[in-house]
Amino acid sequence: VNVAAVLAFTMPIRFLLAKHLGVDAKAELDQTDNAAFGVAIGGGV
């Protein structure tokens, strides 16, 4: 239950941050290789 709760709360962070910034999360991480976006996601997690 604890592992499921952790996954349920942490997985949406990438998409919520992308929505807040108005960018596409996959493009920022895969194509643009935006380290600042990755660090922001890591800090949120």
ModelCIF file with pLDDT and N, C-alpha, C, O atoms, coordinates in Angstrom:
data_MODEL
#
_entry.id   MODEL 
#
_entity.id                         1 
_entity.type                       polymer 
_entity.pdbx_number_of_molecules   1 
#
_entity_poly.entity_id                      1 
_entity_poly.type                           'polypeptide(L)' 
_entity_poly.nstd_linkage                   no 
_entity_poly.nstd_monomer                   no 
_entity_poly.pdbx_seq_one_letter_code       VNVAAVLAFTMPIRFLLAKHLGVDAKAELDQTDNAAFGVAIGGGV 
_entity_poly.pdbx_seq_one_letter_code_can   VNVAAVLAFTMPIRFLLAKHLGVDAKAELDQTDNAAFGVAIGGGV 
_entity_poly.pdbx_strand_id                 A 
#
loop_
_entity_poly_seq.entity_id 
_entity_poly_seq.num 
_entity_poly_seq.mon_id 
_entity_poly_seq.hetero 
1 1  VAL n 
1 2  ASN n 
1 3  VAL n 
1 4  ALA n 
1 5  ALA n 
1 6  VAL n 
1 7  LEU n 
1 8  ALA n 
1 9  PHE n 
1 10 THR n 
1 11 MET n 
1 12 PRO n 
1 13 ILE n 
1 14 ARG n 
1 15 PHE n 
1 16 LEU n 
1 17 LEU n 
1 18 ALA n 
1 19 LYS n 
1 20 HIS n 
1 21 LEU n 
1 22 GLY n 
1 23 VAL n 
1 24 ASP n 
1 25 ALA n 
1 26 LYS n 
1 27 ALA n 
1 28 GLU n 
1 29 LEU n 
1 30 ASP n 
1 31 GLN n 
1 32 THR n 
1 33 ASP n 
1 34 ASN n 
1 35 ALA n 
1 36 ALA n 
1 37 PHE n 
1 38 GLY n 
1 39 VAL n 
1 40 ALA n 
1 41 ILE n 
1 42 GLY n 
1 43 GLY n 
1 44 GLY n 
1 45 VAL n 
#
_struct_asym.id          A 
_struct_asym.entity_id   1 
#
loop_
_ma_qa_metric.id 
_ma_qa_metric.mode 
_ma_qa_metric.name 
_ma_qa_metric.software_group_id 
_ma_qa_metric.type 
1 global pLDDT . pLDDT 
2 local  pLDDT . pLDDT 
#
_ma_qa_metric_global.metric_id      1 
_ma_qa_metric_global.metric_value   84.60 
_ma_qa_metric_global.model_id       1 
_ma_qa_metric_global.ordinal_id     1 
#
loop_
_ma_qa_metric_local.label_asym_id 
_ma_qa_metric_local.label_comp_id 
_ma_qa_metric_local.label_seq_id 
_ma_qa_metric_local.metric_id 
_ma_qa_metric_local.metric_value 
_ma_qa_metric_local.model_id 
_ma_qa_metric_local.ordinal_id 
A VAL 1  2 84.00 1 1  
A ASN 2  2 84.00 1 2  
A VAL 3  2 85.00 1 3  
A ALA 4  2 87.00 1 4  
A ALA 5  2 84.00 1 5  
A VAL 6  2 83.00 1 6  
A LEU 7  2 86.00 1 7  
A ALA 8  2 86.00 1 8  
A PHE 9  2 83.00 1 9  
A THR 10 2 83.00 1 10 
A MET 11 2 84.00 1 11 
A PRO 12 2 85.00 1 12 
A ILE 13 2 82.00 1 13 
A ARG 14 2 81.00 1 14 
A PHE 15 2 84.00 1 15 
A LEU 16 2 83.00 1 16 
A LEU 17 2 81.00 1 17 
A ALA 18 2 83.00 1 18 
A LYS 19 2 85.00 1 19 
A HIS 20 2 80.00 1 20 
A LEU 21 2 79.00 1 21 
A GLY 22 2 82.00 1 22 
A VAL 23 2 83.00 1 23 
A ASP 24 2 84.00 1 24 
A ALA 25 2 84.00 1 25 
A LYS 26 2 85.00 1 26 
A ALA 27 2 85.00 1 27 
A GLU 28 2 83.00 1 28 
A LEU 29 2 83.00 1 29 
A ASP 30 2 86.00 1 30 
A GLN 31 2 87.00 1 31 
A THR 32 2 86.00 1 32 
A ASP 33 2 86.00 1 33 
A ASN 34 2 86.00 1 34 
A ALA 35 2 89.00 1 35 
A ALA 36 2 88.00 1 36 
A PHE 37 2 87.00 1 37 
A GLY 38 2 87.00 1 38 
A VAL 39 2 88.00 1 39 
A ALA 40 2 85.00 1 40 
A ILE 41 2 85.00 1 41 
A GLY 42 2 88.00 1 42 
A GLY 43 2 87.00 1 43 
A GLY 44 2 85.00 1 44 
A VAL 45 2 86.00 1 45 
#
loop_
_atom_site.group_PDB 
_atom_site.id 
_atom_site.type_symbol 
_atom_site.label_atom_id 
_atom_site.label_alt_id 
_atom_site.label_comp_id 
_atom_site.label_asym_id 
_atom_site.label_entity_id 
_atom_site.label_seq_id 
_atom_site.pdbx_PDB_ins_code 
_atom_site.Cartn_x 
_atom_site.Cartn_y 
_atom_site.Cartn_z 
_atom_site.occupancy 
_atom_site.B_iso_or_equiv 
_atom_site.pdbx_formal_charge 
_atom_site.auth_seq_id 
_atom_site.auth_comp_id 
_atom_site.auth_asym_id 
_atom_site.auth_atom_id 
_atom_site.pdbx_PDB_model_num 
ATOM 1   N N  . VAL A 1 1  ? 0.839  -1.199 0.000   1.00 84.00 ? 1  VAL A N  1 
ATOM 2   C CA . VAL A 1 1  ? 0.000  0.000  0.000   1.00 84.00 ? 1  VAL A CA 1 
ATOM 3   C C  . VAL A 1 1  ? 0.872  1.246  0.000   1.00 84.00 ? 1  VAL A C  1 
ATOM 4   O O  . VAL A 1 1  ? 0.587  2.204  -0.719  1.00 84.00 ? 1  VAL A O  1 
ATOM 5   N N  . ASN A 1 2  ? 1.935  1.242  0.802   1.00 84.00 ? 2  ASN A N  1 
ATOM 6   C CA . ASN A 1 2  ? 2.844  2.393  0.854   1.00 84.00 ? 2  ASN A CA 1 
ATOM 7   C C  . ASN A 1 2  ? 3.533  2.629  -0.490  1.00 84.00 ? 2  ASN A C  1 
ATOM 8   O O  . ASN A 1 2  ? 3.636  3.770  -0.941  1.00 84.00 ? 2  ASN A O  1 
ATOM 9   N N  . VAL A 1 3  ? 4.001  1.565  -1.126  1.00 85.00 ? 3  VAL A N  1 
ATOM 10  C CA . VAL A 1 3  ? 4.659  1.702  -2.429  1.00 85.00 ? 3  VAL A CA 1 
ATOM 11  C C  . VAL A 1 3  ? 3.664  2.212  -3.469  1.00 85.00 ? 3  VAL A C  1 
ATOM 12  O O  . VAL A 1 3  ? 4.001  3.083  -4.270  1.00 85.00 ? 3  VAL A O  1 
ATOM 13  N N  . ALA A 1 4  ? 2.453  1.683  -3.464  1.00 87.00 ? 4  ALA A N  1 
ATOM 14  C CA . ALA A 1 4  ? 1.430  2.138  -4.419  1.00 87.00 ? 4  ALA A CA 1 
ATOM 15  C C  . ALA A 1 4  ? 1.095  3.609  -4.203  1.00 87.00 ? 4  ALA A C  1 
ATOM 16  O O  . ALA A 1 4  ? 0.911  4.350  -5.169  1.00 87.00 ? 4  ALA A O  1 
ATOM 17  N N  . ALA A 1 5  ? 1.015  4.037  -2.946  1.00 84.00 ? 5  ALA A N  1 
ATOM 18  C CA . ALA A 1 5  ? 0.706  5.442  -2.656  1.00 84.00 ? 5  ALA A CA 1 
ATOM 19  C C  . ALA A 1 5  ? 1.835  6.348  -3.128  1.00 84.00 ? 5  ALA A C  1 
ATOM 20  O O  . ALA A 1 5  ? 1.584  7.409  -3.697  1.00 84.00 ? 5  ALA A O  1 
ATOM 21  N N  . VAL A 1 6  ? 3.069  5.936  -2.895  1.00 83.00 ? 6  VAL A N  1 
ATOM 22  C CA . VAL A 1 6  ? 4.210  6.742  -3.342  1.00 83.00 ? 6  VAL A CA 1 
ATOM 23  C C  . VAL A 1 6  ? 4.193  6.884  -4.859  1.00 83.00 ? 6  VAL A C  1 
ATOM 24  O O  . VAL A 1 6  ? 4.385  7.983  -5.379  1.00 83.00 ? 6  VAL A O  1 
ATOM 25  N N  . LEU A 1 7  ? 3.970  5.802  -5.563  1.00 86.00 ? 7  LEU A N  1 
ATOM 26  C CA . LEU A 1 7  ? 3.909  5.866  -7.024  1.00 86.00 ? 7  LEU A CA 1 
ATOM 27  C C  . LEU A 1 7  ? 2.745  6.719  -7.506  1.00 86.00 ? 7  LEU A C  1 
ATOM 28  O O  . LEU A 1 7  ? 2.883  7.489  -8.457  1.00 86.00 ? 7  LEU A O  1 
ATOM 29  N N  . ALA A 1 8  ? 1.602  6.580  -6.850  1.00 86.00 ? 8  ALA A N  1 
ATOM 30  C CA . ALA A 1 8  ? 0.422  7.347  -7.266  1.00 86.00 ? 8  ALA A CA 1 
ATOM 31  C C  . ALA A 1 8  ? 0.617  8.844  -7.078  1.00 86.00 ? 8  ALA A C  1 
ATOM 32  O O  . ALA A 1 8  ? 0.086  9.635  -7.858  1.00 86.00 ? 8  ALA A O  1 
ATOM 33  N N  . PHE A 1 9  ? 1.359  9.244  -6.072  1.00 83.00 ? 9  PHE A N  1 
ATOM 34  C CA . PHE A 1 9  ? 1.572  10.669 -5.831  1.00 83.00 ? 9  PHE A CA 1 
ATOM 35  C C  . PHE A 1 9  ? 2.753  11.242 -6.612  1.00 83.00 ? 9  PHE A C  1 
ATOM 36  O O  . PHE A 1 9  ? 2.754  12.428 -6.942  1.00 83.00 ? 9  PHE A O  1 
ATOM 37  N N  . THR A 1 10 ? 3.754  10.419 -6.910  1.00 83.00 ? 10 THR A N  1 
ATOM 38  C CA . THR A 1 10 ? 4.931  10.969 -7.582  1.00 83.00 ? 10 THR A CA 1 
ATOM 39  C C  . THR A 1 10 ? 4.851  10.935 -9.104  1.00 83.00 ? 10 THR A C  1 
ATOM 40  O O  . THR A 1 10 ? 5.449  11.787 -9.761  1.00 83.00 ? 10 THR A O  1 
ATOM 41  N N  . MET A 1 11 ? 4.148  9.998  -9.673  1.00 84.00 ? 11 MET A N  1 
ATOM 42  C CA . MET A 1 11 ? 4.107  9.900  -11.138 1.00 84.00 ? 11 MET A CA 1 
ATOM 43  C C  . MET A 1 11 ? 3.487  11.128 -11.810 1.00 84.00 ? 11 MET A C  1 
ATOM 44  O O  . MET A 1 11 ? 3.978  11.526 -12.866 1.00 84.00 ? 11 MET A O  1 
ATOM 45  N N  . PRO A 1 12 ? 2.454  11.743 -11.269 1.00 85.00 ? 12 PRO A N  1 
ATOM 46  C CA . PRO A 1 12 ? 1.878  12.915 -11.950 1.00 85.00 ? 12 PRO A CA 1 
ATOM 47  C C  . PRO A 1 12 ? 2.719  14.185 -11.867 1.00 85.00 ? 12 PRO A C  1 
ATOM 48  O O  . PRO A 1 12 ? 2.394  15.163 -12.541 1.00 85.00 ? 12 PRO A O  1 
ATOM 49  N N  . ILE A 1 13 ? 3.784  14.210 -11.069 1.00 82.00 ? 13 ILE A N  1 
ATOM 50  C CA . ILE A 1 13 ? 4.562  15.439 -10.889 1.00 82.00 ? 13 ILE A CA 1 
ATOM 51  C C  . ILE A 1 13 ? 5.104  15.954 -12.214 1.00 82.00 ? 13 ILE A C  1 
ATOM 52  O O  . ILE A 1 13 ? 5.068  17.157 -12.473 1.00 82.00 ? 13 ILE A O  1 
ATOM 53  N N  . ARG A 1 14 ? 5.601  15.066 -13.046 1.00 81.00 ? 14 ARG A N  1 
ATOM 54  C CA . ARG A 1 14 ? 6.172  15.472 -14.333 1.00 81.00 ? 14 ARG A CA 1 
ATOM 55  C C  . ARG A 1 14 ? 5.131  16.201 -15.183 1.00 81.00 ? 14 ARG A C  1 
ATOM 56  O O  . ARG A 1 14 ? 5.423  17.227 -15.797 1.00 81.00 ? 14 ARG A O  1 
ATOM 57  N N  . PHE A 1 15 ? 3.927  15.662 -15.209 1.00 84.00 ? 15 PHE A N  1 
ATOM 58  C CA . PHE A 1 15 ? 2.883  16.249 -16.048 1.00 84.00 ? 15 PHE A CA 1 
ATOM 59  C C  . PHE A 1 15 ? 2.311  17.526 -15.439 1.00 84.00 ? 15 PHE A C  1 
ATOM 60  O O  . PHE A 1 15 ? 1.970  18.465 -16.159 1.00 84.00 ? 15 PHE A O  1 
ATOM 61  N N  . LEU A 1 16 ? 2.208  17.558 -14.104 1.00 83.00 ? 16 LEU A N  1 
ATOM 62  C CA . LEU A 1 16 ? 1.710  18.772 -13.457 1.00 83.00 ? 16 LEU A CA 1 
ATOM 63  C C  . LEU A 1 16 ? 2.693  19.930 -13.612 1.00 83.00 ? 16 LEU A C  1 
ATOM 64  O O  . LEU A 1 16 ? 2.284  21.068 -13.840 1.00 83.00 ? 16 LEU A O  1 
ATOM 65  N N  . LEU A 1 17 ? 3.982  19.642 -13.490 1.00 81.00 ? 17 LEU A N  1 
ATOM 66  C CA . LEU A 1 17 ? 4.988  20.690 -13.680 1.00 81.00 ? 17 LEU A CA 1 
ATOM 67  C C  . LEU A 1 17 ? 4.989  21.174 -15.127 1.00 81.00 ? 17 LEU A C  1 
ATOM 68  O O  . LEU A 1 17 ? 5.112  22.372 -15.384 1.00 81.00 ? 17 LEU A O  1 
ATOM 69  N N  . ALA A 1 18 ? 4.854  20.253 -16.064 1.00 83.00 ? 18 ALA A N  1 
ATOM 70  C CA . ALA A 1 18 ? 4.811  20.635 -17.481 1.00 83.00 ? 18 ALA A CA 1 
ATOM 71  C C  . ALA A 1 18 ? 3.589  21.503 -17.755 1.00 83.00 ? 18 ALA A C  1 
ATOM 72  O O  . ALA A 1 18 ? 3.670  22.470 -18.513 1.00 83.00 ? 18 ALA A O  1 
ATOM 73  N N  . LYS A 1 19 ? 2.461  21.164 -17.145 1.00 85.00 ? 19 LYS A N  1 
ATOM 74  C CA . LYS A 1 19 ? 1.253  21.978 -17.332 1.00 85.00 ? 19 LYS A CA 1 
ATOM 75  C C  . LYS A 1 19 ? 1.446  23.364 -16.720 1.00 85.00 ? 19 LYS A C  1 
ATOM 76  O O  . LYS A 1 19 ? 1.034  24.367 -17.304 1.00 85.00 ? 19 LYS A O  1 
ATOM 77  N N  . HIS A 1 20 ? 2.069  23.419 -15.551 1.00 80.00 ? 20 HIS A N  1 
ATOM 78  C CA . HIS A 1 20 ? 2.325  24.703 -14.883 1.00 80.00 ? 20 HIS A CA 1 
ATOM 79  C C  . HIS A 1 20 ? 3.237  25.585 -15.733 1.00 80.00 ? 20 HIS A C  1 
ATOM 80  O O  . HIS A 1 20 ? 3.048  26.800 -15.797 1.00 80.00 ? 20 HIS A O  1 
ATOM 81  N N  . LEU A 1 21 ? 4.221  24.974 -16.381 1.00 79.00 ? 21 LEU A N  1 
ATOM 82  C CA . LEU A 1 21 ? 5.164  25.732 -17.207 1.00 79.00 ? 21 LEU A CA 1 
ATOM 83  C C  . LEU A 1 21 ? 4.644  25.970 -18.620 1.00 79.00 ? 21 LEU A C  1 
ATOM 84  O O  . LEU A 1 21 ? 5.161  26.829 -19.334 1.00 79.00 ? 21 LEU A O  1 
ATOM 85  N N  . GLY A 1 22 ? 3.633  25.222 -19.025 1.00 82.00 ? 22 GLY A N  1 
ATOM 86  C CA . GLY A 1 22 ? 3.097  25.363 -20.364 1.00 82.00 ? 22 GLY A CA 1 
ATOM 87  C C  . GLY A 1 22 ? 3.972  24.731 -21.426 1.00 82.00 ? 22 GLY A C  1 
ATOM 88  O O  . GLY A 1 22 ? 4.073  25.251 -22.537 1.00 82.00 ? 22 GLY A O  1 
ATOM 89  N N  . VAL A 1 23 ? 4.613  23.600 -21.095 1.00 83.00 ? 23 VAL A N  1 
ATOM 90  C CA . VAL A 1 23 ? 5.483  22.904 -22.034 1.00 83.00 ? 23 VAL A CA 1 
ATOM 91  C C  . VAL A 1 23 ? 5.060  21.441 -22.120 1.00 83.00 ? 23 VAL A C  1 
ATOM 92  O O  . VAL A 1 23 ? 4.243  20.971 -21.328 1.00 83.00 ? 23 VAL A O  1 
ATOM 93  N N  . ASP A 1 24 ? 5.630  20.728 -23.094 1.00 84.00 ? 24 ASP A N  1 
ATOM 94  C CA . ASP A 1 24 ? 5.427  19.294 -23.229 1.00 84.00 ? 24 ASP A CA 1 
ATOM 95  C C  . ASP A 1 24 ? 6.555  18.584 -22.483 1.00 84.00 ? 24 ASP A C  1 
ATOM 96  O O  . ASP A 1 24 ? 7.731  18.752 -22.807 1.00 84.00 ? 24 ASP A O  1 
ATOM 97  N N  . ALA A 1 25 ? 6.181  17.786 -21.477 1.00 84.00 ? 25 ALA A N  1 
ATOM 98  C CA . ALA A 1 25 ? 7.185  17.146 -20.630 1.00 84.00 ? 25 ALA A CA 1 
ATOM 99  C C  . ALA A 1 25 ? 8.096  16.220 -21.425 1.00 84.00 ? 25 ALA A C  1 
ATOM 100 O O  . ALA A 1 25 ? 9.311  16.228 -21.224 1.00 84.00 ? 25 ALA A O  1 
ATOM 101 N N  . LYS A 1 26 ? 7.534  15.431 -22.314 1.00 85.00 ? 26 LYS A N  1 
ATOM 102 C CA . LYS A 1 26 ? 8.346  14.498 -23.094 1.00 85.00 ? 26 LYS A CA 1 
ATOM 103 C C  . LYS A 1 26 ? 9.333  15.244 -23.986 1.00 85.00 ? 26 LYS A C  1 
ATOM 104 O O  . LYS A 1 26 ? 10.494 14.851 -24.100 1.00 85.00 ? 26 LYS A O  1 
ATOM 105 N N  . ALA A 1 27 ? 8.872  16.311 -24.611 1.00 85.00 ? 27 ALA A N  1 
ATOM 106 C CA . ALA A 1 27 ? 9.770  17.088 -25.478 1.00 85.00 ? 27 ALA A CA 1 
ATOM 107 C C  . ALA A 1 27 ? 10.877 17.750 -24.668 1.00 85.00 ? 27 ALA A C  1 
ATOM 108 O O  . ALA A 1 27 ? 12.027 17.783 -25.106 1.00 85.00 ? 27 ALA A O  1 
ATOM 109 N N  . GLU A 1 28 ? 10.545 18.274 -23.502 1.00 83.00 ? 28 GLU A N  1 
ATOM 110 C CA . GLU A 1 28 ? 11.560 18.942 -22.672 1.00 83.00 ? 28 GLU A CA 1 
ATOM 111 C C  . GLU A 1 28 ? 12.637 17.972 -22.210 1.00 83.00 ? 28 GLU A C  1 
ATOM 112 O O  . GLU A 1 28 ? 13.812 18.333 -22.135 1.00 83.00 ? 28 GLU A O  1 
ATOM 113 N N  . LEU A 1 29 ? 12.242 16.750 -21.903 1.00 83.00 ? 29 LEU A N  1 
ATOM 114 C CA . LEU A 1 29 ? 13.210 15.780 -21.396 1.00 83.00 ? 29 LEU A CA 1 
ATOM 115 C C  . LEU A 1 29 ? 13.920 15.020 -22.508 1.00 83.00 ? 29 LEU A C  1 
ATOM 116 O O  . LEU A 1 29 ? 15.124 14.780 -22.417 1.00 83.00 ? 29 LEU A O  1 
ATOM 117 N N  . ASP A 1 30 ? 13.188 14.635 -23.564 1.00 86.00 ? 30 ASP A N  1 
ATOM 118 C CA . ASP A 1 30 ? 13.782 13.804 -24.613 1.00 86.00 ? 30 ASP A CA 1 
ATOM 119 C C  . ASP A 1 30 ? 14.483 14.610 -25.694 1.00 86.00 ? 30 ASP A C  1 
ATOM 120 O O  . ASP A 1 30 ? 15.631 14.330 -26.041 1.00 86.00 ? 30 ASP A O  1 
ATOM 121 N N  . GLN A 1 31 ? 13.790 15.610 -26.227 1.00 87.00 ? 31 GLN A N  1 
ATOM 122 C CA . GLN A 1 31 ? 14.320 16.325 -27.387 1.00 87.00 ? 31 GLN A CA 1 
ATOM 123 C C  . GLN A 1 31 ? 15.183 17.518 -26.984 1.00 87.00 ? 31 GLN A C  1 
ATOM 124 O O  . GLN A 1 31 ? 16.314 17.658 -27.449 1.00 87.00 ? 31 GLN A O  1 
ATOM 125 N N  . THR A 1 32 ? 14.650 18.369 -26.126 1.00 86.00 ? 32 THR A N  1 
ATOM 126 C CA . THR A 1 32 ? 15.375 19.573 -25.720 1.00 86.00 ? 32 THR A CA 1 
ATOM 127 C C  . THR A 1 32 ? 16.479 19.250 -24.727 1.00 86.00 ? 32 THR A C  1 
ATOM 128 O O  . THR A 1 32 ? 17.466 19.981 -24.640 1.00 86.00 ? 32 THR A O  1 
ATOM 129 N N  . ASP A 1 33 ? 16.325 18.160 -23.975 1.00 86.00 ? 33 ASP A N  1 
ATOM 130 C CA . ASP A 1 33 ? 17.266 17.759 -22.928 1.00 86.00 ? 33 ASP A CA 1 
ATOM 131 C C  . ASP A 1 33 ? 17.456 18.892 -21.926 1.00 86.00 ? 33 ASP A C  1 
ATOM 132 O O  . ASP A 1 33 ? 18.579 19.270 -21.594 1.00 86.00 ? 33 ASP A O  1 
ATOM 133 N N  . ASN A 1 34 ? 16.339 19.420 -21.458 1.00 86.00 ? 34 ASN A N  1 
ATOM 134 C CA . ASN A 1 34 ? 16.334 20.556 -20.546 1.00 86.00 ? 34 ASN A CA 1 
ATOM 135 C C  . ASN A 1 34 ? 16.659 20.084 -19.128 1.00 86.00 ? 34 ASN A C  1 
ATOM 136 O O  . ASN A 1 34 ? 15.802 19.524 -18.443 1.00 86.00 ? 34 ASN A O  1 
ATOM 137 N N  . ALA A 1 35 ? 17.889 20.311 -18.696 1.00 89.00 ? 35 ALA A N  1 
ATOM 138 C CA . ALA A 1 35 ? 18.325 19.878 -17.369 1.00 89.00 ? 35 ALA A CA 1 
ATOM 139 C C  . ALA A 1 35 ? 17.584 20.622 -16.266 1.00 89.00 ? 35 ALA A C  1 
ATOM 140 O O  . ALA A 1 35 ? 17.330 20.053 -15.204 1.00 89.00 ? 35 ALA A O  1 
ATOM 141 N N  . ALA A 1 36 ? 17.235 21.875 -16.498 1.00 88.00 ? 36 ALA A N  1 
ATOM 142 C CA . ALA A 1 36 ? 16.515 22.651 -15.487 1.00 88.00 ? 36 ALA A CA 1 
ATOM 143 C C  . ALA A 1 36 ? 15.146 22.040 -15.218 1.00 88.00 ? 36 ALA A C  1 
ATOM 144 O O  . ALA A 1 36 ? 14.698 22.005 -14.072 1.00 88.00 ? 36 ALA A O  1 
ATOM 145 N N  . PHE A 1 37 ? 14.482 21.560 -16.259 1.00 87.00 ? 37 PHE A N  1 
ATOM 146 C CA . PHE A 1 37 ? 13.192 20.901 -16.102 1.00 87.00 ? 37 PHE A CA 1 
ATOM 147 C C  . PHE A 1 37 ? 13.360 19.608 -15.300 1.00 87.00 ? 37 PHE A C  1 
ATOM 148 O O  . PHE A 1 37 ? 12.549 19.301 -14.427 1.00 87.00 ? 37 PHE A O  1 
ATOM 149 N N  . GLY A 1 38 ? 14.416 18.859 -15.604 1.00 87.00 ? 38 GLY A N  1 
ATOM 150 C CA . GLY A 1 38 ? 14.687 17.632 -14.866 1.00 87.00 ? 38 GLY A CA 1 
ATOM 151 C C  . GLY A 1 38 ? 14.983 17.886 -13.396 1.00 87.00 ? 38 GLY A C  1 
ATOM 152 O O  . GLY A 1 38 ? 14.534 17.140 -12.526 1.00 87.00 ? 38 GLY A O  1 
ATOM 153 N N  . VAL A 1 39 ? 15.735 18.935 -13.125 1.00 88.00 ? 39 VAL A N  1 
ATOM 154 C CA . VAL A 1 39 ? 16.048 19.280 -11.733 1.00 88.00 ? 39 VAL A CA 1 
ATOM 155 C C  . VAL A 1 39 ? 14.777 19.712 -10.994 1.00 88.00 ? 39 VAL A C  1 
ATOM 156 O O  . VAL A 1 39 ? 14.591 19.372 -9.825  1.00 88.00 ? 39 VAL A O  1 
ATOM 157 N N  . ALA A 1 40 ? 13.904 20.460 -11.678 1.00 85.00 ? 40 ALA A N  1 
ATOM 158 C CA . ALA A 1 40 ? 12.651 20.879 -11.058 1.00 85.00 ? 40 ALA A CA 1 
ATOM 159 C C  . ALA A 1 40 ? 11.776 19.674 -10.731 1.00 85.00 ? 40 ALA A C  1 
ATOM 160 O O  . ALA A 1 40 ? 11.147 19.631 -9.673  1.00 85.00 ? 40 ALA A O  1 
ATOM 161 N N  . ILE A 1 41 ? 11.733 18.698 -11.633 1.00 85.00 ? 41 ILE A N  1 
ATOM 162 C CA . ILE A 1 41 ? 10.973 17.477 -11.370 1.00 85.00 ? 41 ILE A CA 1 
ATOM 163 C C  . ILE A 1 41 ? 11.592 16.720 -10.195 1.00 85.00 ? 41 ILE A C  1 
ATOM 164 O O  . ILE A 1 41 ? 10.878 16.249 -9.310  1.00 85.00 ? 41 ILE A O  1 
ATOM 165 N N  . GLY A 1 42 ? 12.919 16.604 -10.190 1.00 88.00 ? 42 GLY A N  1 
ATOM 166 C CA . GLY A 1 42 ? 13.598 15.919 -9.099  1.00 88.00 ? 42 GLY A CA 1 
ATOM 167 C C  . GLY A 1 42 ? 13.347 16.580 -7.753  1.00 88.00 ? 42 GLY A C  1 
ATOM 168 O O  . GLY A 1 42 ? 13.155 15.896 -6.748  1.00 88.00 ? 42 GLY A O  1 
ATOM 169 N N  . GLY A 1 43 ? 13.347 17.901 -7.731  1.00 87.00 ? 43 GLY A N  1 
ATOM 170 C CA . GLY A 1 43 ? 13.061 18.608 -6.488  1.00 87.00 ? 43 GLY A CA 1 
ATOM 171 C C  . GLY A 1 43 ? 11.638 18.364 -6.000  1.00 87.00 ? 43 GLY A C  1 
ATOM 172 O O  . GLY A 1 43 ? 11.403 18.203 -4.803  1.00 87.00 ? 43 GLY A O  1 
ATOM 173 N N  . GLY A 1 44 ? 10.694 18.337 -6.931  1.00 85.00 ? 44 GLY A N  1 
ATOM 174 C CA . GLY A 1 44 ? 9.311  18.057 -6.559  1.00 85.00 ? 44 GLY A CA 1 
ATOM 175 C C  . GLY A 1 44 ? 9.140  16.650 -6.015  1.00 85.00 ? 44 GLY A C  1 
ATOM 176 O O  . GLY A 1 44 ? 8.440  16.433 -5.026  1.00 85.00 ? 44 GLY A O  1 
ATOM 177 N N  . VAL A 1 45 ? 9.793  15.690 -6.678  1.00 86.00 ? 45 VAL A N  1 
ATOM 178 C CA . VAL A 1 45 ? 9.714  14.299 -6.215  1.00 86.00 ? 45 VAL A CA 1 
ATOM 179 C C  . VAL A 1 45 ? 10.377 14.152 -4.851  1.00 86.00 ? 45 VAL A C  1 
ATOM 180 O O  . VAL A 1 45 ? 10.411 13.054 -4.296  1.00 86.00 ? 45 VAL A O  1 
#
